[in-house]
């Protein structure tokens, strides 16, 4: 089992924190792909420019499915946003101005900024850390 509470040691032997652990990496990856799906849906809606009428909510199963889907979407957006903010602030290897720029992007474009950070920064750094630990 991984030690998820230890900090990185400067001597070269690296340990992972909770935000770099395998379960959190999987959770963040799933949340990032949900955000990509959300972006695609938003892009299609903007490009087509059509107004969609709301579906009839007289079927209770449809209502349950719709609210469950919205709940999962909200959880994914919250997870990717909070997780990437935590990683950027405490574990990211960038300079302070670079971190500040990412945090501004997170604030103004959530959940798309954190998703971009996941694919551009977090994923690469965590995978490199795992290779360093294994090899």
C-alpha atoms as a PDB file:
ATOM      1  CA  UNK A   1       0.000   0.000   0.000  1.00  0.00           C
ATOM      2  CA  UNK A   2       1.272   3.459  -0.872  1.00  0.00           C
ATOM      3  CA  UNK A   3       2.175   5.954   1.777  1.00  0.00           C
ATOM      4  CA  UNK A   4      -0.220   8.752   0.896  1.00  0.00           C
ATOM      5  CA  UNK A   5       0.623  11.147   3.714  1.00  0.00           C
ATOM      6  CA  UNK A   6       4.354  11.555   3.169  1.00  0.00           C
ATOM      7  CA  UNK A   7       5.926  14.530   1.427  1.00  0.00           C
ATOM      8  CA  UNK A   8       8.592  14.407  -1.268  1.00  0.00           C
ATOM      9  CA  UNK A   9      12.094  14.178   0.024  1.00  0.00           C
ATOM     10  CA  UNK A  10      14.746  16.360  -1.565  1.00  0.00           C
ATOM     11  CA  UNK A  11      17.294  13.522  -1.544  1.00  0.00           C
ATOM     12  CA  UNK A  12      15.777  12.071  -4.705  1.00  0.00           C
ATOM     13  CA  UNK A  13      13.614   9.404  -3.106  1.00  0.00           C
ATOM     14  CA  UNK A  14      10.085  10.537  -3.889  1.00  0.00           C
ATOM     15  CA  UNK A  15       6.903   9.575  -2.125  1.00  0.00           C
ATOM     16  CA  UNK A  16       3.408  10.300  -3.233  1.00  0.00           C
ATOM     17  CA  UNK A  17       0.840  12.412  -1.453  1.00  0.00           C
ATOM     18  CA  UNK A  18      -2.883  11.675  -1.480  1.00  0.00           C
ATOM     19  CA  UNK A  19      -3.351  13.862  -4.556  1.00  0.00           C
ATOM     20  CA  UNK A  20      -0.777  11.793  -6.480  1.00  0.00           C
ATOM     21  CA  UNK A  21      -2.021   8.363  -5.366  1.00  0.00           C
ATOM     22  CA  UNK A  22      -3.337   5.827  -7.864  1.00  0.00           C
ATOM     23  CA  UNK A  23      -6.967   6.012  -6.665  1.00  0.00           C
ATOM     24  CA  UNK A  24      -6.992   9.803  -6.929  1.00  0.00           C
ATOM     25  CA  UNK A  25      -5.266   9.706 -10.315  1.00  0.00           C
ATOM     26  CA  UNK A  26      -8.026   7.387 -11.533  1.00  0.00           C
ATOM     27  CA  UNK A  27     -10.741   9.584 -10.021  1.00  0.00           C
ATOM     28  CA  UNK A  28      -9.251  12.746 -11.541  1.00  0.00           C
ATOM     29  CA  UNK A  29      -8.863  11.026 -14.897  1.00  0.00           C
ATOM     30  CA  UNK A  30     -12.508   9.975 -14.886  1.00  0.00           C
ATOM     31  CA  UNK A  31     -13.614  13.463 -13.863  1.00  0.00           C
ATOM     32  CA  UNK A  32     -11.457  14.996 -16.595  1.00  0.00           C
ATOM     33  CA  UNK A  33     -13.063  12.826 -19.265  1.00  0.00           C
ATOM     34  CA  UNK A  34     -16.522  13.760 -17.958  1.00  0.00           C
ATOM     35  CA  UNK A  35     -15.489  17.411 -18.307  1.00  0.00           C
ATOM     36  CA  UNK A  36     -14.308  16.723 -21.868  1.00  0.00           C
ATOM     37  CA  UNK A  37     -17.729  15.242 -22.601  1.00  0.00           C
ATOM     38  CA  UNK A  38     -19.358  18.328 -21.082  1.00  0.00           C
ATOM     39  CA  UNK A  39     -17.202  20.566 -23.292  1.00  0.00           C
ATOM     40  CA  UNK A  40     -18.164  18.608 -26.404  1.00  0.00           C
ATOM     41  CA  UNK A  41     -21.859  18.872 -25.526  1.00  0.00           C
ATOM     42  CA  UNK A  42     -21.517  22.619 -24.926  1.00  0.00           C
ATOM     43  CA  UNK A  43     -19.634  23.048 -28.208  1.00  0.00           C
ATOM     44  CA  UNK A  44     -22.290  21.144 -30.144  1.00  0.00           C
ATOM     45  CA  UNK A  45     -25.015  23.257 -28.560  1.00  0.00           C
ATOM     46  CA  UNK A  46     -23.197  26.490 -29.442  1.00  0.00           C
ATOM     47  CA  UNK A  47     -22.288  25.427 -32.989  1.00  0.00           C
ATOM     48  CA  UNK A  48     -25.733  24.154 -33.906  1.00  0.00           C
ATOM     49  CA  UNK A  49     -27.376  27.202 -32.352  1.00  0.00           C
ATOM     50  CA  UNK A  50     -30.641  25.383 -31.904  1.00  0.00           C
ATOM     51  CA  UNK A  51     -32.895  25.860 -28.959  1.00  0.00           C
ATOM     52  CA  UNK A  52     -33.748  22.562 -27.397  1.00  0.00           C
ATOM     53  CA  UNK A  53     -37.085  22.157 -25.739  1.00  0.00           C
ATOM     54  CA  UNK A  54     -36.947  20.578 -22.351  1.00  0.00           C
ATOM     55  CA  UNK A  55     -37.865  16.901 -22.369  1.00  0.00           C
ATOM     56  CA  UNK A  56     -41.139  15.863 -20.786  1.00  0.00           C
ATOM     57  CA  UNK A  57     -40.640  15.013 -17.148  1.00  0.00           C
ATOM     58  CA  UNK A  58     -43.816  13.043 -16.679  1.00  0.00           C
ATOM     59  CA  UNK A  59     -41.876   9.757 -16.562  1.00  0.00           C
ATOM     60  CA  UNK A  60     -40.448   9.217 -13.048  1.00  0.00           C
ATOM     61  CA  UNK A  61     -37.589   7.052 -14.360  1.00  0.00           C
ATOM     62  CA  UNK A  62     -36.541   9.845 -16.705  1.00  0.00           C
ATOM     63  CA  UNK A  63     -36.549  12.304 -13.810  1.00  0.00           C
ATOM     64  CA  UNK A  64     -34.431   9.965 -11.669  1.00  0.00           C
ATOM     65  CA  UNK A  65     -31.983   9.400 -14.538  1.00  0.00           C
ATOM     66  CA  UNK A  66     -31.743  13.127 -15.293  1.00  0.00           C
ATOM     67  CA  UNK A  67     -31.059  14.100 -11.685  1.00  0.00           C
ATOM     68  CA  UNK A  68     -28.602  11.225 -11.194  1.00  0.00           C
ATOM     69  CA  UNK A  69     -26.731  12.319 -14.330  1.00  0.00           C
ATOM     70  CA  UNK A  70     -26.639  15.936 -13.177  1.00  0.00           C
ATOM     71  CA  UNK A  71     -25.445  14.828  -9.748  1.00  0.00           C
ATOM     72  CA  UNK A  72     -22.605  12.767 -11.234  1.00  0.00           C
ATOM     73  CA  UNK A  73     -21.662  15.646 -13.520  1.00  0.00           C
ATOM     74  CA  UNK A  74     -21.598  18.073 -10.584  1.00  0.00           C
ATOM     75  CA  UNK A  75     -19.481  15.641  -8.536  1.00  0.00           C
ATOM     76  CA  UNK A  76     -17.017  15.208 -11.407  1.00  0.00           C
ATOM     77  CA  UNK A  77     -16.706  18.970 -11.933  1.00  0.00           C
ATOM     78  CA  UNK A  78     -16.189  19.562  -8.210  1.00  0.00           C
ATOM     79  CA  UNK A  79     -13.634  16.745  -7.976  1.00  0.00           C
ATOM     80  CA  UNK A  80     -11.514  17.857 -10.922  1.00  0.00           C
ATOM     81  CA  UNK A  81     -11.633  21.504  -9.859  1.00  0.00           C
ATOM     82  CA  UNK A  82     -10.734  20.996  -6.191  1.00  0.00           C
ATOM     83  CA  UNK A  83      -8.185  18.275  -6.938  1.00  0.00           C
ATOM     84  CA  UNK A  84      -6.306  20.287  -9.544  1.00  0.00           C
ATOM     85  CA  UNK A  85      -6.370  23.420  -7.359  1.00  0.00           C
ATOM     86  CA  UNK A  86      -4.900  21.412  -4.464  1.00  0.00           C
ATOM     87  CA  UNK A  87      -2.233  19.866  -6.675  1.00  0.00           C
ATOM     88  CA  UNK A  88      -1.355  23.172  -8.325  1.00  0.00           C
ATOM     89  CA  UNK A  89      -0.938  24.982  -5.013  1.00  0.00           C
ATOM     90  CA  UNK A  90       0.825  22.355  -2.910  1.00  0.00           C
ATOM     91  CA  UNK A  91       2.448  19.811  -5.212  1.00  0.00           C
ATOM     92  CA  UNK A  92       2.867  21.406  -8.631  1.00  0.00           C
ATOM     93  CA  UNK A  93       6.439  22.039  -9.753  1.00  0.00           C
ATOM     94  CA  UNK A  94       5.765  25.346 -11.507  1.00  0.00           C
ATOM     95  CA  UNK A  95       6.859  28.816 -10.441  1.00  0.00           C
ATOM     96  CA  UNK A  96       4.564  31.062  -8.417  1.00  0.00           C
ATOM     97  CA  UNK A  97       3.555  33.232 -11.418  1.00  0.00           C
ATOM     98  CA  UNK A  98       2.789  30.119 -13.462  1.00  0.00           C
ATOM     99  CA  UNK A  99       0.678  28.685 -10.630  1.00  0.00           C
ATOM    100  CA  UNK A 100      -1.152  32.006 -10.313  1.00  0.00           C
ATOM    101  CA  UNK A 101      -1.912  31.977 -14.036  1.00  0.00           C
ATOM    102  CA  UNK A 102      -3.286  28.432 -13.801  1.00  0.00           C
ATOM    103  CA  UNK A 103      -5.409  29.356 -10.789  1.00  0.00           C
ATOM    104  CA  UNK A 104      -6.875  32.338 -12.653  1.00  0.00           C
ATOM    105  CA  UNK A 105      -7.658  30.024 -15.556  1.00  0.00           C
ATOM    106  CA  UNK A 106      -9.320  27.602 -13.108  1.00  0.00           C
ATOM    107  CA  UNK A 107     -11.418  30.386 -11.636  1.00  0.00           C
ATOM    108  CA  UNK A 108     -12.632  31.846 -14.919  1.00  0.00           C
ATOM    109  CA  UNK A 109     -13.115  28.642 -16.925  1.00  0.00           C
ATOM    110  CA  UNK A 110     -14.080  25.936 -14.423  1.00  0.00           C
ATOM    111  CA  UNK A 111     -14.291  23.017 -15.138  1.00  0.00           C
ATOM    112  CA  UNK A 112     -12.399  23.383 -18.408  1.00  0.00           C
ATOM    113  CA  UNK A 113      -9.261  25.019 -16.964  1.00  0.00           C
ATOM    114  CA  UNK A 114      -8.742  22.274 -14.376  1.00  0.00           C
ATOM    115  CA  UNK A 115      -9.315  19.660 -17.091  1.00  0.00           C
ATOM    116  CA  UNK A 116      -6.681  21.297 -19.276  1.00  0.00           C
ATOM    117  CA  UNK A 117      -4.324  21.380 -16.264  1.00  0.00           C
ATOM    118  CA  UNK A 118      -4.962  17.671 -15.685  1.00  0.00           C
ATOM    119  CA  UNK A 119      -3.903  16.742 -19.215  1.00  0.00           C
ATOM    120  CA  UNK A 120      -1.060  19.271 -19.595  1.00  0.00           C
ATOM    121  CA  UNK A 121       0.585  19.254 -16.155  1.00  0.00           C
ATOM    122  CA  UNK A 122      -0.787  16.878 -13.502  1.00  0.00           C
ATOM    123  CA  UNK A 123      -0.862  13.733 -15.616  1.00  0.00           C
ATOM    124  CA  UNK A 124       2.705  14.202 -16.882  1.00  0.00           C
ATOM    125  CA  UNK A 125       4.138  15.020 -13.458  1.00  0.00           C
ATOM    126  CA  UNK A 126       2.419  12.143 -11.671  1.00  0.00           C
ATOM    127  CA  UNK A 127       3.396   9.605 -14.340  1.00  0.00           C
ATOM    128  CA  UNK A 128       6.998  10.884 -14.220  1.00  0.00           C
ATOM    129  CA  UNK A 129       6.952  10.545 -10.427  1.00  0.00           C
ATOM    130  CA  UNK A 130       5.747   6.946 -10.725  1.00  0.00           C
ATOM    131  CA  UNK A 131       8.518   6.130 -13.204  1.00  0.00           C
ATOM    132  CA  UNK A 132      11.069   7.718 -10.850  1.00  0.00           C
ATOM    133  CA  UNK A 133       9.778   5.599  -7.975  1.00  0.00           C
ATOM    134  CA  UNK A 134       9.709   2.367  -9.994  1.00  0.00           C
ATOM    135  CA  UNK A 135      12.965   2.763 -11.834  1.00  0.00           C
END
